[in-house]
Amino acid sequence: IANDFGQRALVGKVCMDRNNSVKHYKETSQECQEETCRF
């Protein structure tokens, strides 16, 4: 979307494997590493 509208952007996929407050919103270390590599 940033590219389509022409904005210069740095985009970050958030990484966190120790968020215990919202159980369905975190990754394991392995998932985070693999998905960040894919991103």
PDB file of all heavy atoms in Angstrom:
ATOM      1  N   ILE A   1       0.836  -1.205   0.000  1.00  0.00           N
ATOM      2  CA  ILE A   1       0.000   0.000   0.000  1.00  0.00           C
ATOM      3  C   ILE A   1       0.871   1.256   0.000  1.00  0.00           C
ATOM      4  O   ILE A   1       0.597   2.221  -0.738  1.00  0.00           O
ATOM      5  CB  ILE A   1      -0.961  -0.023   1.205  1.00  0.00           C
ATOM      6  CG1 ILE A   1      -2.017  -1.118   0.997  1.00  0.00           C
ATOM      7  CG2 ILE A   1      -1.622   1.332   1.423  1.00  0.00           C
ATOM      8  CD1 ILE A   1      -2.842  -1.437   2.231  1.00  0.00           C
ATOM      9  N   ALA A   2       1.927   1.266   0.805  1.00  0.00           N
ATOM     10  CA  ALA A   2       2.837   2.409   0.803  1.00  0.00           C
ATOM     11  C   ALA A   2       3.441   2.601  -0.586  1.00  0.00           C
ATOM     12  O   ALA A   2       3.536   3.728  -1.093  1.00  0.00           O
ATOM     13  CB  ALA A   2       3.935   2.215   1.848  1.00  0.00           C
ATOM     14  N   ASN A   3       3.831   1.504  -1.223  1.00  0.00           N
ATOM     15  CA  ASN A   3       4.378   1.584  -2.572  1.00  0.00           C
ATOM     16  C   ASN A   3       3.351   2.115  -3.564  1.00  0.00           C
ATOM     17  O   ASN A   3       3.656   2.985  -4.394  1.00  0.00           O
ATOM     18  CB  ASN A   3       4.863   0.209  -3.025  1.00  0.00           C
ATOM     19  CG  ASN A   3       5.340   0.207  -4.461  1.00  0.00           C
ATOM     20  OD1 ASN A   3       6.401   0.726  -4.785  1.00  0.00           O
ATOM     21  ND2 ASN A   3       4.546  -0.381  -5.354  1.00  0.00           N
ATOM     22  N   ASP A   4       2.123   1.608  -3.482  1.00  0.00           N
ATOM     23  CA  ASP A   4       1.083   2.020  -4.426  1.00  0.00           C
ATOM     24  C   ASP A   4       0.787   3.512  -4.332  1.00  0.00           C
ATOM     25  O   ASP A   4       0.559   4.174  -5.352  1.00  0.00           O
ATOM     26  CB  ASP A   4      -0.201   1.226  -4.176  1.00  0.00           C
ATOM     27  CG  ASP A   4      -0.098  -0.221  -4.621  1.00  0.00           C
ATOM     28  OD1 ASP A   4       0.858  -0.555  -5.343  1.00  0.00           O
ATOM     29  OD2 ASP A   4      -0.976  -1.023  -4.238  1.00  0.00           O
ATOM     30  N   PHE A   5       0.794   4.052  -3.124  1.00  0.00           N
ATOM     31  CA  PHE A   5       0.518   5.482  -2.955  1.00  0.00           C
ATOM     32  C   PHE A   5       1.766   6.342  -3.112  1.00  0.00           C
ATOM     33  O   PHE A   5       1.669   7.568  -3.129  1.00  0.00           O
ATOM     34  CB  PHE A   5      -0.132   5.738  -1.592  1.00  0.00           C
ATOM     35  CG  PHE A   5      -1.595   5.418  -1.547  1.00  0.00           C
ATOM     36  CD1 PHE A   5      -2.054   4.287  -0.882  1.00  0.00           C
ATOM     37  CD2 PHE A   5      -2.524   6.230  -2.182  1.00  0.00           C
ATOM     38  CE1 PHE A   5      -3.408   3.979  -0.842  1.00  0.00           C
ATOM     39  CE2 PHE A   5      -3.885   5.940  -2.148  1.00  0.00           C
ATOM     40  CZ  PHE A   5      -4.324   4.807  -1.480  1.00  0.00           C
ATOM     41  N   GLY A   6       2.936   5.711  -3.183  1.00  0.00           N
ATOM     42  CA  GLY A   6       4.154   6.462  -3.445  1.00  0.00           C
ATOM     43  C   GLY A   6       4.868   7.000  -2.226  1.00  0.00           C
ATOM     44  O   GLY A   6       5.697   7.904  -2.339  1.00  0.00           O
ATOM     45  N   GLN A   7       4.588   6.452  -1.049  1.00  0.00           N
ATOM     46  CA  GLN A   7       5.261   6.919   0.158  1.00  0.00           C
ATOM     47  C   GLN A   7       6.573   6.164   0.360  1.00  0.00           C
ATOM     48  O   GLN A   7       6.650   4.962   0.138  1.00  0.00           O
ATOM     49  CB  GLN A   7       4.358   6.710   1.381  1.00  0.00           C
ATOM     50  CG  GLN A   7       4.877   7.349   2.666  1.00  0.00           C
ATOM     51  CD  GLN A   7       3.852   7.255   3.794  1.00  0.00           C
ATOM     52  OE1 GLN A   7       3.353   6.169   4.100  1.00  0.00           O
ATOM     53  NE2 GLN A   7       3.528   8.379   4.384  1.00  0.00           N
ATOM     54  N   ARG A   8       7.594   6.882   0.778  1.00  0.00           N
ATOM     55  CA  ARG A   8       8.852   6.238   1.160  1.00  0.00           C
ATOM     56  C   ARG A   8       8.644   5.631   2.546  1.00  0.00           C
ATOM     57  O   ARG A   8       8.223   6.331   3.471  1.00  0.00           O
ATOM     58  CB  ARG A   8       9.971   7.288   1.199  1.00  0.00           C
ATOM     59  CG  ARG A   8      11.384   6.717   1.346  1.00  0.00           C
ATOM     60  CD  ARG A   8      12.403   7.851   1.495  1.00  0.00           C
ATOM     61  NE  ARG A   8      12.368   8.777   0.386  1.00  0.00           N
ATOM     62  CZ  ARG A   8      13.001   8.615  -0.772  1.00  0.00           C
ATOM     63  NH1 ARG A   8      13.748   7.537  -0.953  1.00  0.00           N
ATOM     64  NH2 ARG A   8      12.918   9.525  -1.735  1.00  0.00           N
ATOM     65  N   ALA A   9       8.937   4.343   2.696  1.00  0.00           N
ATOM     66  CA  ALA A   9       8.575   3.696   3.948  1.00  0.00           C
ATOM     67  C   ALA A   9       9.545   2.590   4.331  1.00  0.00           C
ATOM     68  O   ALA A   9      10.064   1.862   3.481  1.00  0.00           O
ATOM     69  CB  ALA A   9       7.155   3.119   3.857  1.00  0.00           C
ATOM     70  N   LEU A  10       9.774   2.492   5.639  1.00  0.00           N
ATOM     71  CA  LEU A  10      10.373   1.317   6.255  1.00  0.00           C
ATOM     72  C   LEU A  10       9.239   0.596   6.970  1.00  0.00           C
ATOM     73  O   LEU A  10       8.508   1.208   7.751  1.00  0.00           O
ATOM     74  CB  LEU A  10      11.459   1.720   7.245  1.00  0.00           C
ATOM     75  CG  LEU A  10      12.700   2.396   6.645  1.00  0.00           C
ATOM     76  CD1 LEU A  10      13.586   2.955   7.748  1.00  0.00           C
ATOM     77  CD2 LEU A  10      13.477   1.412   5.785  1.00  0.00           C
ATOM     78  N   VAL A  11       9.067  -0.692   6.690  1.00  0.00           N
ATOM     79  CA  VAL A  11       7.944  -1.451   7.230  1.00  0.00           C
ATOM     80  C   VAL A  11       8.487  -2.606   8.060  1.00  0.00           C
ATOM     81  O   VAL A  11       9.328  -3.385   7.589  1.00  0.00           O
ATOM     82  CB  VAL A  11       7.039  -1.986   6.107  1.00  0.00           C
ATOM     83  CG1 VAL A  11       5.922  -2.854   6.685  1.00  0.00           C
ATOM     84  CG2 VAL A  11       6.448  -0.827   5.307  1.00  0.00           C
ATOM     85  N   GLY A  12       7.981  -2.730   9.293  1.00  0.00           N
ATOM     86  CA  GLY A  12       8.452  -3.770  10.183  1.00  0.00           C
ATOM     87  C   GLY A  12       7.367  -4.741  10.609  1.00  0.00           C
ATOM     88  O   GLY A  12       6.309  -4.319  11.108  1.00  0.00           O
ATOM     89  N   LYS A  13       7.602  -6.035  10.390  1.00  0.00           N
ATOM     90  CA  LYS A  13       6.772  -7.065  10.989  1.00  0.00           C
ATOM     91  C   LYS A  13       7.205  -7.185  12.448  1.00  0.00           C
ATOM     92  O   LYS A  13       8.368  -7.437  12.754  1.00  0.00           O
ATOM     93  CB  LYS A  13       6.969  -8.407  10.283  1.00  0.00           C
ATOM     94  CG  LYS A  13       6.213  -9.556  10.932  1.00  0.00           C
ATOM     95  CD  LYS A  13       6.981 -10.860  10.793  1.00  0.00           C
ATOM     96  CE  LYS A  13       6.452 -11.914  11.734  1.00  0.00           C
ATOM     97  NZ  LYS A  13       6.597 -11.594  13.182  1.00  0.00           N
ATOM     98  N   VAL A  14       6.292  -6.983  13.359  1.00  0.00           N
ATOM     99  CA  VAL A  14       6.606  -6.964  14.786  1.00  0.00           C
ATOM    100  C   VAL A  14       7.003  -8.364  15.267  1.00  0.00           C
ATOM    101  O   VAL A  14       6.401  -9.365  14.872  1.00  0.00           O
ATOM    102  CB  VAL A  14       5.402  -6.448  15.601  1.00  0.00           C
ATOM    103  CG1 VAL A  14       5.646  -6.598  17.102  1.00  0.00           C
ATOM    104  CG2 VAL A  14       5.130  -4.981  15.248  1.00  0.00           C
ATOM    105  N   CYS A  15       8.029  -8.409  16.115  1.00  0.00           N
ATOM    106  CA  CYS A  15       8.509  -9.670  16.691  1.00  0.00           C
ATOM    107  C   CYS A  15       8.366  -9.625  18.205  1.00  0.00           C
ATOM    108  O   CYS A  15       8.862  -8.687  18.853  1.00  0.00           O
ATOM    109  CB  CYS A  15       9.973  -9.902  16.327  1.00  0.00           C
ATOM    110  SG  CYS A  15      10.266 -10.038  14.552  1.00  0.00           S
ATOM    111  N   MET A  16       7.681 -10.602  18.772  1.00  0.00           N
ATOM    112  CA  MET A  16       7.620 -10.732  20.229  1.00  0.00           C
ATOM    113  C   MET A  16       7.189 -12.153  20.581  1.00  0.00           C
ATOM    114  O   MET A  16       6.182 -12.643  20.086  1.00  0.00           O
ATOM    115  CB  MET A  16       6.684  -9.697  20.863  1.00  0.00           C
ATOM    116  CG  MET A  16       5.280  -9.638  20.350  1.00  0.00           C
ATOM    117  SD  MET A  16       4.331  -8.373  21.255  1.00  0.00           S
ATOM    118  CE  MET A  16       2.736  -8.556  20.471  1.00  0.00           C
ATOM    119  N   ASP A  17       7.987 -12.797  21.410  1.00  0.00           N
ATOM    120  CA  ASP A  17       7.684 -14.166  21.802  1.00  0.00           C
ATOM    121  C   ASP A  17       7.443 -14.304  23.309  1.00  0.00           C
ATOM    122  O   ASP A  17       7.378 -15.407  23.832  1.00  0.00           O
ATOM    123  CB  ASP A  17       8.806 -15.113  21.368  1.00  0.00           C
ATOM    124  CG  ASP A  17      10.156 -14.768  21.983  1.00  0.00           C
ATOM    125  OD1 ASP A  17      10.275 -13.704  22.630  1.00  0.00           O
ATOM    126  OD2 ASP A  17      11.106 -15.553  21.803  1.00  0.00           O
ATOM    127  N   ARG A  18       7.295 -13.164  24.003  1.00  0.00           N
ATOM    128  CA  ARG A  18       7.092 -13.227  25.455  1.00  0.00           C
ATOM    129  C   ARG A  18       5.868 -12.429  25.903  1.00  0.00           C
ATOM    130  O   ARG A  18       5.809 -11.947  27.021  1.00  0.00           O
ATOM    131  CB  ARG A  18       8.335 -12.698  26.191  1.00  0.00           C
ATOM    132  CG  ARG A  18       9.508 -13.668  26.191  1.00  0.00           C
ATOM    133  CD  ARG A  18      10.701 -13.069  26.908  1.00  0.00           C
ATOM    134  NE  ARG A  18      10.369 -12.679  28.266  1.00  0.00           N
ATOM    135  CZ  ARG A  18      10.552 -13.446  29.350  1.00  0.00           C
ATOM    136  NH1 ARG A  18      11.077 -14.659  29.206  1.00  0.00           N
ATOM    137  NH2 ARG A  18      10.242 -13.014  30.548  1.00  0.00           N
ATOM    138  N   ASN A  19       4.894 -12.236  25.035  1.00  0.00           N
ATOM    139  CA  ASN A  19       3.675 -11.524  25.401  1.00  0.00           C
ATOM    140  C   ASN A  19       2.668 -12.512  25.987  1.00  0.00           C
ATOM    141  O   ASN A  19       2.068 -13.308  25.273  1.00  0.00           O
ATOM    142  CB  ASN A  19       3.074 -10.820  24.180  1.00  0.00           C
ATOM    143  CG  ASN A  19       1.775 -10.118  24.515  1.00  0.00           C
ATOM    144  OD1 ASN A  19       1.549  -9.735  25.665  1.00  0.00           O
ATOM    145  ND2 ASN A  19       0.919  -9.939  23.528  1.00  0.00           N
ATOM    146  N   ASN A  20       2.474 -12.447  27.288  1.00  0.00           N
ATOM    147  CA  ASN A  20       1.564 -13.383  27.949  1.00  0.00           C
ATOM    148  C   ASN A  20       0.203 -12.772  28.276  1.00  0.00           C
ATOM    149  O   ASN A  20      -0.663 -13.428  28.839  1.00  0.00           O
ATOM    150  CB  ASN A  20       2.203 -13.897  29.245  1.00  0.00           C
ATOM    151  CG  ASN A  20       3.478 -14.675  28.978  1.00  0.00           C
ATOM    152  OD1 ASN A  20       3.522 -15.486  28.067  1.00  0.00           O
ATOM    153  ND2 ASN A  20       4.511 -14.415  29.756  1.00  0.00           N
ATOM    154  N   SER A  21       0.012 -11.505  27.934  1.00  0.00           N
ATOM    155  CA  SER A  21      -1.221 -10.823  28.329  1.00  0.00           C
ATOM    156  C   SER A  21      -2.387 -11.136  27.383  1.00  0.00           C
ATOM    157  O   SER A  21      -3.527 -11.184  27.806  1.00  0.00           O
ATOM    158  CB  SER A  21      -0.981  -9.313  28.387  1.00  0.00           C
ATOM    159  OG  SER A  21      -0.493  -8.851  27.140  1.00  0.00           O
ATOM    160  N   VAL A  22      -2.089 -11.307  26.112  1.00  0.00           N
ATOM    161  CA  VAL A  22      -3.119 -11.663  25.130  1.00  0.00           C
ATOM    162  C   VAL A  22      -2.654 -12.951  24.462  1.00  0.00           C
ATOM    163  O   VAL A  22      -1.775 -12.944  23.608  1.00  0.00           O
ATOM    164  CB  VAL A  22      -3.308 -10.543  24.083  1.00  0.00           C
ATOM    165  CG1 VAL A  22      -4.387 -10.940  23.068  1.00  0.00           C
ATOM    166  CG2 VAL A  22      -3.710  -9.241  24.773  1.00  0.00           C
ATOM    167  N   LYS A  23      -3.219 -14.068  24.853  1.00  0.00           N
ATOM    168  CA  LYS A  23      -2.682 -15.379  24.507  1.00  0.00           C
ATOM    169  C   LYS A  23      -2.627 -15.630  23.010  1.00  0.00           C
ATOM    170  O   LYS A  23      -1.734 -16.322  22.515  1.00  0.00           O
ATOM    171  CB  LYS A  23      -3.503 -16.472  25.201  1.00  0.00           C
ATOM    172  CG  LYS A  23      -3.350 -16.472  26.717  1.00  0.00           C
ATOM    173  CD  LYS A  23      -4.136 -17.602  27.358  1.00  0.00           C
ATOM    174  CE  LYS A  23      -3.945 -17.595  28.878  1.00  0.00           C
ATOM    175  NZ  LYS A  23      -4.710 -18.681  29.544  1.00  0.00           N
ATOM    176  N   HIS A  24      -3.589 -15.083  22.269  1.00  0.00           N
ATOM    177  CA  HIS A  24      -3.619 -15.351  20.839  1.00  0.00           C
ATOM    178  C   HIS A  24      -2.826 -14.314  20.048  1.00  0.00           C
ATOM    179  O   HIS A  24      -2.907 -14.281  18.822  1.00  0.00           O
ATOM    180  CB  HIS A  24      -5.061 -15.412  20.326  1.00  0.00           C
ATOM    181  CG  HIS A  24      -5.862 -14.180  20.629  1.00  0.00           C
ATOM    182  ND1 HIS A  24      -6.349 -13.909  21.886  1.00  0.00           N
ATOM    183  CD2 HIS A  24      -6.268 -13.154  19.835  1.00  0.00           C
ATOM    184  CE1 HIS A  24      -7.020 -12.757  21.855  1.00  0.00           C
ATOM    185  NE2 HIS A  24      -6.973 -12.290  20.627  1.00  0.00           N
ATOM    186  N   TYR A  25      -2.069 -13.466  20.740  1.00  0.00           N
ATOM    187  CA  TYR A  25      -1.274 -12.472  20.012  1.00  0.00           C
ATOM    188  C   TYR A  25       0.198 -12.564  20.410  1.00  0.00           C
ATOM    189  O   TYR A  25       0.748 -11.685  21.060  1.00  0.00           O
ATOM    190  CB  TYR A  25      -1.808 -11.056  20.235  1.00  0.00           C
ATOM    191  CG  TYR A  25      -1.141 -10.027  19.334  1.00  0.00           C
ATOM    192  CD1 TYR A  25      -1.132 -10.208  17.957  1.00  0.00           C
ATOM    193  CD2 TYR A  25      -0.518  -8.909  19.862  1.00  0.00           C
ATOM    194  CE1 TYR A  25      -0.518  -9.289  17.129  1.00  0.00           C
ATOM    195  CE2 TYR A  25       0.098  -7.985  19.031  1.00  0.00           C
ATOM    196  CZ  TYR A  25       0.101  -8.178  17.658  1.00  0.00           C
ATOM    197  OH  TYR A  25       0.721  -7.273  16.833  1.00  0.00           O
ATOM    198  N   LYS A  26       0.809 -13.666  20.043  1.00  0.00           N
ATOM    199  CA  LYS A  26       2.251 -13.821  20.191  1.00  0.00           C
ATOM    200  C   LYS A  26       2.689 -14.997  19.333  1.00  0.00           C
ATOM    201  O   LYS A  26       1.865 -15.789  18.866  1.00  0.00           O
ATOM    202  CB  LYS A  26       2.650 -14.043  21.653  1.00  0.00           C
ATOM    203  CG  LYS A  26       2.251 -15.389  22.239  1.00  0.00           C
ATOM    204  CD  LYS A  26       2.850 -15.563  23.629  1.00  0.00           C
ATOM    205  CE  LYS A  26       2.465 -16.918  24.210  1.00  0.00           C
ATOM    206  NZ  LYS A  26       3.072 -17.138  25.536  1.00  0.00           N
ATOM    207  N   GLU A  27       4.001 -15.094  19.133  1.00  0.00           N
ATOM    208  CA  GLU A  27       4.573 -16.191  18.375  1.00  0.00           C
ATOM    209  C   GLU A  27       5.611 -16.902  19.230  1.00  0.00           C
ATOM    210  O   GLU A  27       6.129 -16.340  20.191  1.00  0.00           O
ATOM    211  CB  GLU A  27       5.265 -15.664  17.110  1.00  0.00           C
ATOM    212  CG  GLU A  27       4.371 -14.914  16.148  1.00  0.00           C
ATOM    213  CD  GLU A  27       5.179 -14.258  15.036  1.00  0.00           C
ATOM    214  OE1 GLU A  27       5.940 -13.327  15.328  1.00  0.00           O
ATOM    215  OE2 GLU A  27       5.041 -14.699  13.884  1.00  0.00           O
ATOM    216  N   THR A  28       5.939 -18.116  18.845  1.00  0.00           N
ATOM    217  CA  THR A  28       7.090 -18.765  19.453  1.00  0.00           C
ATOM    218  C   THR A  28       8.349 -18.181  18.815  1.00  0.00           C
ATOM    219  O   THR A  28       8.279 -17.534  17.749  1.00  0.00           O
ATOM    220  CB  THR A  28       7.073 -20.277  19.203  1.00  0.00           C
ATOM    221  OG1 THR A  28       7.218 -20.521  17.784  1.00  0.00           O
ATOM    222  CG2 THR A  28       5.766 -20.895  19.690  1.00  0.00           C
ATOM    223  N   SER A  29       9.483 -18.406  19.440  1.00  0.00           N
ATOM    224  CA  SER A  29      10.737 -17.905  18.882  1.00  0.00           C
ATOM    225  C   SER A  29      10.962 -18.453  17.479  1.00  0.00           C
ATOM    226  O   SER A  29      11.394 -17.726  16.569  1.00  0.00           O
ATOM    227  CB  SER A  29      11.913 -18.279  19.788  1.00  0.00           C
ATOM    228  OG  SER A  29      11.775 -17.681  21.052  1.00  0.00           O
ATOM    229  N   GLN A  30      10.656 -19.719  17.293  1.00  0.00           N
ATOM    230  CA  GLN A  30      10.855 -20.350  15.993  1.00  0.00           C
ATOM    231  C   GLN A  30       9.927 -19.746  14.940  1.00  0.00           C
ATOM    232  O   GLN A  30      10.349 -19.437  13.824  1.00  0.00           O
ATOM    233  CB  GLN A  30      10.604 -21.861  16.096  1.00  0.00           C
ATOM    234  CG  GLN A  30      10.908 -22.637  14.814  1.00  0.00           C
ATOM    235  CD  GLN A  30      12.384 -22.645  14.470  1.00  0.00           C
ATOM    236  OE1 GLN A  30      13.229 -22.458  15.348  1.00  0.00           O
ATOM    237  NE2 GLN A  30      12.689 -22.824  13.190  1.00  0.00           N
ATOM    238  N   GLU A  31       8.653 -19.562  15.299  1.00  0.00           N
ATOM    239  CA  GLU A  31       7.708 -18.954  14.357  1.00  0.00           C
ATOM    240  C   GLU A  31       8.144 -17.543  13.992  1.00  0.00           C
ATOM    241  O   GLU A  31       8.083 -17.146  12.817  1.00  0.00           O
ATOM    242  CB  GLU A  31       6.308 -18.907  14.986  1.00  0.00           C
ATOM    243  CG  GLU A  31       5.606 -20.249  15.090  1.00  0.00           C
ATOM    244  CD  GLU A  31       4.338 -20.178  15.919  1.00  0.00           C
ATOM    245  OE1 GLU A  31       4.213 -19.243  16.746  1.00  0.00           O
ATOM    246  OE2 GLU A  31       3.482 -21.066  15.737  1.00  0.00           O
ATOM    247  N   CYS A  32       8.583 -16.812  14.993  1.00  0.00           N
ATOM    248  CA  CYS A  32       8.982 -15.425  14.745  1.00  0.00           C
ATOM    249  C   CYS A  32      10.182 -15.364  13.808  1.00  0.00           C
ATOM    250  O   CYS A  32      10.217 -14.545  12.884  1.00  0.00           O
ATOM    251  CB  CYS A  32       9.304 -14.745  16.069  1.00  0.00           C
ATOM    252  SG  CYS A  32       9.353 -12.954  15.937  1.00  0.00           S
ATOM    253  N   GLN A  33      11.161 -16.225  14.039  1.00  0.00           N
ATOM    254  CA  GLN A  33      12.332 -16.249  13.176  1.00  0.00           C
ATOM    255  C   GLN A  33      11.956 -16.623  11.748  1.00  0.00           C
ATOM    256  O   GLN A  33      12.360 -15.949  10.784  1.00  0.00           O
ATOM    257  CB  GLN A  33      13.368 -17.236  13.712  1.00  0.00           C
ATOM    258  CG  GLN A  33      14.654 -17.268  12.880  1.00  0.00           C
ATOM    259  CD  GLN A  33      15.656 -18.284  13.403  1.00  0.00           C
ATOM    260  OE1 GLN A  33      15.339 -19.107  14.245  1.00  0.00           O
ATOM    261  NE2 GLN A  33      16.876 -18.224  12.899  1.00  0.00           N
ATOM    262  N   GLU A  34      11.166 -17.661  11.590  1.00  0.00           N
ATOM    263  CA  GLU A  34      10.784 -18.117  10.254  1.00  0.00           C
ATOM    264  C   GLU A  34       9.944 -17.084   9.518  1.00  0.00           C
ATOM    265  O   GLU A  34      10.165 -16.805   8.328  1.00  0.00           O
ATOM    266  CB  GLU A  34      10.018 -19.442  10.356  1.00  0.00           C
ATOM    267  CG  GLU A  34      10.875 -20.611  10.812  1.00  0.00           C
ATOM    268  CD  GLU A  34      10.063 -21.876  11.059  1.00  0.00           C
ATOM    269  OE1 GLU A  34       8.812 -21.795  10.958  1.00  0.00           O
ATOM    270  OE2 GLU A  34      10.675 -22.922  11.356  1.00  0.00           O
ATOM    271  N   GLU A  35       8.974 -16.493  10.222  1.00  0.00           N
ATOM    272  CA  GLU A  35       8.086 -15.530   9.576  1.00  0.00           C
ATOM    273  C   GLU A  35       8.805 -14.213   9.267  1.00  0.00           C
ATOM    274  O   GLU A  35       8.519 -13.565   8.257  1.00  0.00           O
ATOM    275  CB  GLU A  35       6.861 -15.282  10.446  1.00  0.00           C
ATOM    276  CG  GLU A  35       5.865 -16.430  10.441  1.00  0.00           C
ATOM    277  CD  GLU A  35       5.361 -16.749   9.036  1.00  0.00           C
ATOM    278  OE1 GLU A  35       4.722 -15.887   8.418  1.00  0.00           O
ATOM    279  OE2 GLU A  35       5.653 -17.864   8.550  1.00  0.00           O
ATOM    280  N   THR A  36       9.742 -13.832  10.120  1.00  0.00           N
ATOM    281  CA  THR A  36      10.515 -12.615   9.836  1.00  0.00           C
ATOM    282  C   THR A  36      11.402 -12.833   8.618  1.00  0.00           C
ATOM    283  O   THR A  36      11.530 -11.945   7.766  1.00  0.00           O
ATOM    284  CB  THR A  36      11.359 -12.199  11.052  1.00  0.00           C
ATOM    285  OG1 THR A  36      10.488 -11.962  12.160  1.00  0.00           O
ATOM    286  CG2 THR A  36      12.137 -10.928  10.762  1.00  0.00           C
ATOM    287  N   CYS A  37      12.001 -14.005   8.513  1.00  0.00           N
ATOM    288  CA  CYS A  37      12.792 -14.331   7.322  1.00  0.00           C
ATOM    289  C   CYS A  37      11.918 -14.279   6.068  1.00  0.00           C
ATOM    290  O   CYS A  37      12.331 -13.747   5.027  1.00  0.00           O
ATOM    291  CB  CYS A  37      13.430 -15.708   7.468  1.00  0.00           C
ATOM    292  SG  CYS A  37      14.861 -15.769   8.556  1.00  0.00           S
ATOM    293  N   ARG A  38      10.718 -14.833   6.172  1.00  0.00           N
ATOM    294  CA  ARG A  38       9.802 -14.810   5.025  1.00  0.00           C
ATOM    295  C   ARG A  38       9.395 -13.384   4.676  1.00  0.00           C
ATOM    296  O   ARG A  38       9.369 -13.000   3.490  1.00  0.00           O
ATOM    297  CB  ARG A  38       8.556 -15.661   5.326  1.00  0.00           C
ATOM    298  CG  ARG A  38       7.539 -15.673   4.172  1.00  0.00           C
ATOM    299  CD  ARG A  38       6.491 -16.753   4.348  1.00  0.00           C
ATOM    300  NE  ARG A  38       5.447 -16.409   5.292  1.00  0.00           N
ATOM    301  CZ  ARG A  38       4.322 -15.746   4.956  1.00  0.00           C
ATOM    302  NH1 ARG A  38       4.131 -15.329   3.708  1.00  0.00           N
ATOM    303  NH2 ARG A  38       3.400 -15.503   5.863  1.00  0.00           N
ATOM    304  N   PHE A  39       9.099 -12.597   5.707  1.00  0.00           N
ATOM    305  CA  PHE A  39       8.712 -11.206   5.481  1.00  0.00           C
ATOM    306  C   PHE A  39       9.820 -10.444   4.758  1.00  0.00           C
ATOM    307  O   PHE A  39       9.573  -9.754   3.759  1.00  0.00           O
ATOM    308  CB  PHE A  39       8.401 -10.535   6.821  1.00  0.00           C
ATOM    309  CG  PHE A  39       8.218  -9.047   6.732  1.00  0.00           C
ATOM    310  CD1 PHE A  39       7.066  -8.509   6.170  1.00  0.00           C
ATOM    311  CD2 PHE A  39       9.201  -8.178   7.185  1.00  0.00           C
ATOM    312  CE1 PHE A  39       6.890  -7.133   6.070  1.00  0.00           C
ATOM    313  CE2 PHE A  39       9.040  -6.809   7.090  1.00  0.00           C
ATOM    314  CZ  PHE A  39       7.886  -6.280   6.529  1.00  0.00           C
TER     315      PHE A  39
END
